[in-house]
Amino acid sequence: MSTRCNIIVKDDHNSIQLYRHSDGYPDGRCGVISDLQQALQYSWELPRMEADDFAAAIVRAWKQGGGNIYIDSKEDIPKSLHGDIEYFYIIIPNEKEKNWQIEVFNPKGESLWKGMLGEEYPEN
């Protein structure tokens, strides 16, 4: 069975929601936290951080064919979240650190982890 998730990338001007049909878990070699690094090669070079650009870079980095990762909607938590997700992620610019901040939530909205792009999600 696939692990589904929503990924929300937001800044002061935009909020873009993505849907990932499989490999939506945060940890491991193919997990969301480590896979987000792949998007950096397609986005503005840090410290420039724009939500719409980074969301597009995520899709570009992960898109292998039809399905699996796509732009879902404008973020409107909790109404816009898919009903079958196991996790959702909120990614925002952290101007002080000049990096993307990532927070992992369960479907109930409880925070499970908060860190920066490039940090590893702790193994269970």
C-alpha atoms as a PDB file:
ATOM      1  CA  MET A   1       0.000   0.000   0.000  1.00  0.00           C
ATOM      2  CA  SER A   2       1.221   3.500  -0.801  1.00  0.00           C
ATOM      3  CA  THR A   3       1.969   6.126   1.809  1.00  0.00           C
ATOM      4  CA  ARG A   4       0.221   9.284   0.631  1.00  0.00           C
ATOM      5  CA  CYS A   5       0.909  12.841   1.712  1.00  0.00           C
ATOM      6  CA  ASN A   6       0.254  16.497   1.013  1.00  0.00           C
ATOM      7  CA  ILE A   7       3.134  18.947   0.806  1.00  0.00           C
ATOM      8  CA  ILE A   8       2.367  22.632   1.295  1.00  0.00           C
ATOM      9  CA  VAL A   9       4.965  25.198   0.245  1.00  0.00           C
ATOM     10  CA  LYS A  10       4.173  28.719   1.382  1.00  0.00           C
ATOM     11  CA  ASP A  11       5.659  32.170   1.694  1.00  0.00           C
ATOM     12  CA  ASP A  12       4.213  35.650   2.236  1.00  0.00           C
ATOM     13  CA  HIS A  13       2.737  35.708  -1.286  1.00  0.00           C
ATOM     14  CA  ASN A  14       1.776  32.147  -2.239  1.00  0.00           C
ATOM     15  CA  SER A  15       0.638  28.841  -0.833  1.00  0.00           C
ATOM     16  CA  ILE A  16       0.845  25.809  -3.104  1.00  0.00           C
ATOM     17  CA  GLN A  17      -0.311  22.346  -2.143  1.00  0.00           C
ATOM     18  CA  LEU A  18       1.133  19.200  -3.720  1.00  0.00           C
ATOM     19  CA  TYR A  19      -0.044  15.605  -3.480  1.00  0.00           C
ATOM     20  CA  ARG A  20       2.355  12.641  -3.433  1.00  0.00           C
ATOM     21  CA  HIS A  21       0.652   9.297  -3.990  1.00  0.00           C
ATOM     22  CA  SER A  22       3.499   7.065  -2.768  1.00  0.00           C
ATOM     23  CA  ASP A  23       6.674   7.383  -0.693  1.00  0.00           C
ATOM     24  CA  GLY A  24       4.999  10.039   1.452  1.00  0.00           C
ATOM     25  CA  TYR A  25       6.638   8.925   4.684  1.00  0.00           C
ATOM     26  CA  PRO A  26       9.173  11.367   6.153  1.00  0.00           C
ATOM     27  CA  ASP A  27      12.160   9.075   6.826  1.00  0.00           C
ATOM     28  CA  GLY A  28      14.378   6.739   4.868  1.00  0.00           C
ATOM     29  CA  ARG A  29      16.234   6.830   1.571  1.00  0.00           C
ATOM     30  CA  CYS A  30      13.094   7.595  -0.479  1.00  0.00           C
ATOM     31  CA  GLY A  31      11.286   9.575   2.195  1.00  0.00           C
ATOM     32  CA  VAL A  32      10.057  13.111   1.677  1.00  0.00           C
ATOM     33  CA  ILE A  33      12.667  14.778   3.912  1.00  0.00           C
ATOM     34  CA  SER A  34      15.665  13.354   2.032  1.00  0.00           C
ATOM     35  CA  ASP A  35      13.978  13.610  -1.404  1.00  0.00           C
ATOM     36  CA  LEU A  36      13.385  17.347  -0.986  1.00  0.00           C
ATOM     37  CA  GLN A  37      17.120  17.881  -1.527  1.00  0.00           C
ATOM     38  CA  GLN A  38      16.594  16.865  -5.181  1.00  0.00           C
ATOM     39  CA  ALA A  39      14.437  19.949  -5.759  1.00  0.00           C
ATOM     40  CA  LEU A  40      17.307  22.352  -5.046  1.00  0.00           C
ATOM     41  CA  GLN A  41      18.828  21.725  -8.481  1.00  0.00           C
ATOM     42  CA  TYR A  42      15.652  23.057 -10.142  1.00  0.00           C
ATOM     43  CA  SER A  43      14.851  25.983  -7.824  1.00  0.00           C
ATOM     44  CA  TRP A  44      16.292  29.417  -7.224  1.00  0.00           C
ATOM     45  CA  GLU A  45      19.670  29.241  -5.526  1.00  0.00           C
ATOM     46  CA  LEU A  46      19.441  29.842  -1.787  1.00  0.00           C
ATOM     47  CA  PRO A  47      18.990  32.279  -0.115  1.00  0.00           C
ATOM     48  CA  ARG A  48      16.275  33.200  -2.672  1.00  0.00           C
ATOM     49  CA  MET A  49      13.141  31.351  -1.597  1.00  0.00           C
ATOM     50  CA  GLU A  50       9.828  31.607  -3.428  1.00  0.00           C
ATOM     51  CA  ALA A  51       7.056  29.124  -2.672  1.00  0.00           C
ATOM     52  CA  ASP A  52       5.758  28.785  -6.233  1.00  0.00           C
ATOM     53  CA  ASP A  53       9.276  28.210  -7.589  1.00  0.00           C
ATOM     54  CA  PHE A  54      10.166  25.602  -4.947  1.00  0.00           C
ATOM     55  CA  ALA A  55       6.836  23.770  -5.372  1.00  0.00           C
ATOM     56  CA  ALA A  56       7.478  23.576  -9.142  1.00  0.00           C
ATOM     57  CA  ALA A  57      11.027  22.337  -8.456  1.00  0.00           C
ATOM     58  CA  ILE A  58       9.686  19.554  -6.214  1.00  0.00           C
ATOM     59  CA  VAL A  59       7.314  18.377  -8.940  1.00  0.00           C
ATOM     60  CA  ARG A  60      10.091  18.580 -11.551  1.00  0.00           C
ATOM     61  CA  ALA A  61      12.501  16.579  -9.384  1.00  0.00           C
ATOM     62  CA  TRP A  62      10.026  13.844  -8.478  1.00  0.00           C
ATOM     63  CA  LYS A  63       7.895  13.515 -11.615  1.00  0.00           C
ATOM     64  CA  GLN A  64       8.570  10.165 -13.327  1.00  0.00           C
ATOM     65  CA  GLY A  65       5.378   9.993 -15.388  1.00  0.00           C
ATOM     66  CA  GLY A  66       1.663  10.407 -14.843  1.00  0.00           C
ATOM     67  CA  GLY A  67       0.420  10.558 -11.287  1.00  0.00           C
ATOM     68  CA  ASN A  68       2.437  10.207  -8.061  1.00  0.00           C
ATOM     69  CA  ILE A  69       3.299  13.919  -7.615  1.00  0.00           C
ATOM     70  CA  TYR A  70       1.215  16.847  -8.774  1.00  0.00           C
ATOM     71  CA  ILE A  71      -0.092  20.285  -7.898  1.00  0.00           C
ATOM     72  CA  ASP A  72      -3.183  19.612  -5.836  1.00  0.00           C
ATOM     73  CA  SER A  73      -4.841  22.899  -4.977  1.00  0.00           C
ATOM     74  CA  LYS A  74      -4.506  26.041  -2.998  1.00  0.00           C
ATOM     75  CA  GLU A  75      -3.804  25.142   0.605  1.00  0.00           C
ATOM     76  CA  ASP A  76      -6.864  25.423   2.843  1.00  0.00           C
ATOM     77  CA  ILE A  77      -6.149  23.183   5.837  1.00  0.00           C
ATOM     78  CA  PRO A  78      -7.977  21.035   6.788  1.00  0.00           C
ATOM     79  CA  LYS A  79     -10.522  21.141   3.930  1.00  0.00           C
ATOM     80  CA  SER A  80      -7.999  20.773   1.117  1.00  0.00           C
ATOM     81  CA  LEU A  81      -6.067  17.815   2.572  1.00  0.00           C
ATOM     82  CA  HIS A  82      -6.689  14.457   0.940  1.00  0.00           C
ATOM     83  CA  GLY A  83      -8.656  12.076   3.138  1.00  0.00           C
ATOM     84  CA  ASP A  84      -6.208   9.197   2.682  1.00  0.00           C
ATOM     85  CA  ILE A  85      -2.931  10.868   3.658  1.00  0.00           C
ATOM     86  CA  GLU A  86      -0.690   9.633   6.452  1.00  0.00           C
ATOM     87  CA  TYR A  87       1.391  12.807   6.655  1.00  0.00           C
ATOM     88  CA  PHE A  88       1.377  16.394   5.535  1.00  0.00           C
ATOM     89  CA  TYR A  89       4.286  18.777   5.343  1.00  0.00           C
ATOM     90  CA  ILE A  90       4.506  22.538   5.544  1.00  0.00           C
ATOM     91  CA  ILE A  91       7.599  24.094   3.983  1.00  0.00           C
ATOM     92  CA  ILE A  92       8.327  27.787   4.557  1.00  0.00           C
ATOM     93  CA  PRO A  93      11.321  30.077   4.051  1.00  0.00           C
ATOM     94  CA  ASN A  94      13.456  30.664   7.108  1.00  0.00           C
ATOM     95  CA  GLU A  95      15.133  33.975   6.305  1.00  0.00           C
ATOM     96  CA  LYS A  96      17.406  33.837   9.357  1.00  0.00           C
ATOM     97  CA  GLU A  97      18.829  30.428   8.401  1.00  0.00           C
ATOM     98  CA  LYS A  98      18.612  31.150   4.634  1.00  0.00           C
ATOM     99  CA  ASN A  99      17.052  27.742   4.170  1.00  0.00           C
ATOM    100  CA  TRP A 100      13.701  26.021   3.846  1.00  0.00           C
ATOM    101  CA  GLN A 101      12.064  25.017   7.143  1.00  0.00           C
ATOM    102  CA  ILE A 102      10.064  21.785   7.081  1.00  0.00           C
ATOM    103  CA  GLU A 103       7.423  20.664   9.552  1.00  0.00           C
ATOM    104  CA  VAL A 104       5.858  17.193   9.475  1.00  0.00           C
ATOM    105  CA  PHE A 105       2.311  16.600  10.722  1.00  0.00           C
ATOM    106  CA  ASN A 106       0.023  13.614  11.097  1.00  0.00           C
ATOM    107  CA  PRO A 107      -3.485  13.877   9.549  1.00  0.00           C
ATOM    108  CA  LYS A 108      -4.855  15.222  12.853  1.00  0.00           C
ATOM    109  CA  GLY A 109      -2.541  18.236  12.559  1.00  0.00           C
ATOM    110  CA  GLU A 110      -0.184  17.195  15.334  1.00  0.00           C
ATOM    111  CA  SER A 111       3.422  18.215  14.700  1.00  0.00           C
ATOM    112  CA  LEU A 112       5.811  15.242  14.517  1.00  0.00           C
ATOM    113  CA  TRP A 113       9.063  17.013  13.603  1.00  0.00           C
ATOM    114  CA  LYS A 114      10.444  20.395  12.625  1.00  0.00           C
ATOM    115  CA  GLY A 115      13.781  20.958  10.924  1.00  0.00           C
ATOM    116  CA  MET A 116      15.646  22.472   7.993  1.00  0.00           C
ATOM    117  CA  LEU A 117      16.186  21.191   4.481  1.00  0.00           C
ATOM    118  CA  GLY A 118      19.268  18.984   4.621  1.00  0.00           C
ATOM    119  CA  GLU A 119      18.606  17.688   8.132  1.00  0.00           C
ATOM    120  CA  GLU A 120      17.686  14.048   8.612  1.00  0.00           C
ATOM    121  CA  TYR A 121      14.361  12.960  10.018  1.00  0.00           C
ATOM    122  CA  PRO A 122      15.038  10.863  13.142  1.00  0.00           C
ATOM    123  CA  GLU A 123      14.627   7.109  12.668  1.00  0.00           C
ATOM    124  CA  ASN A 124      11.860   5.519  14.734  1.00  0.00           C
END
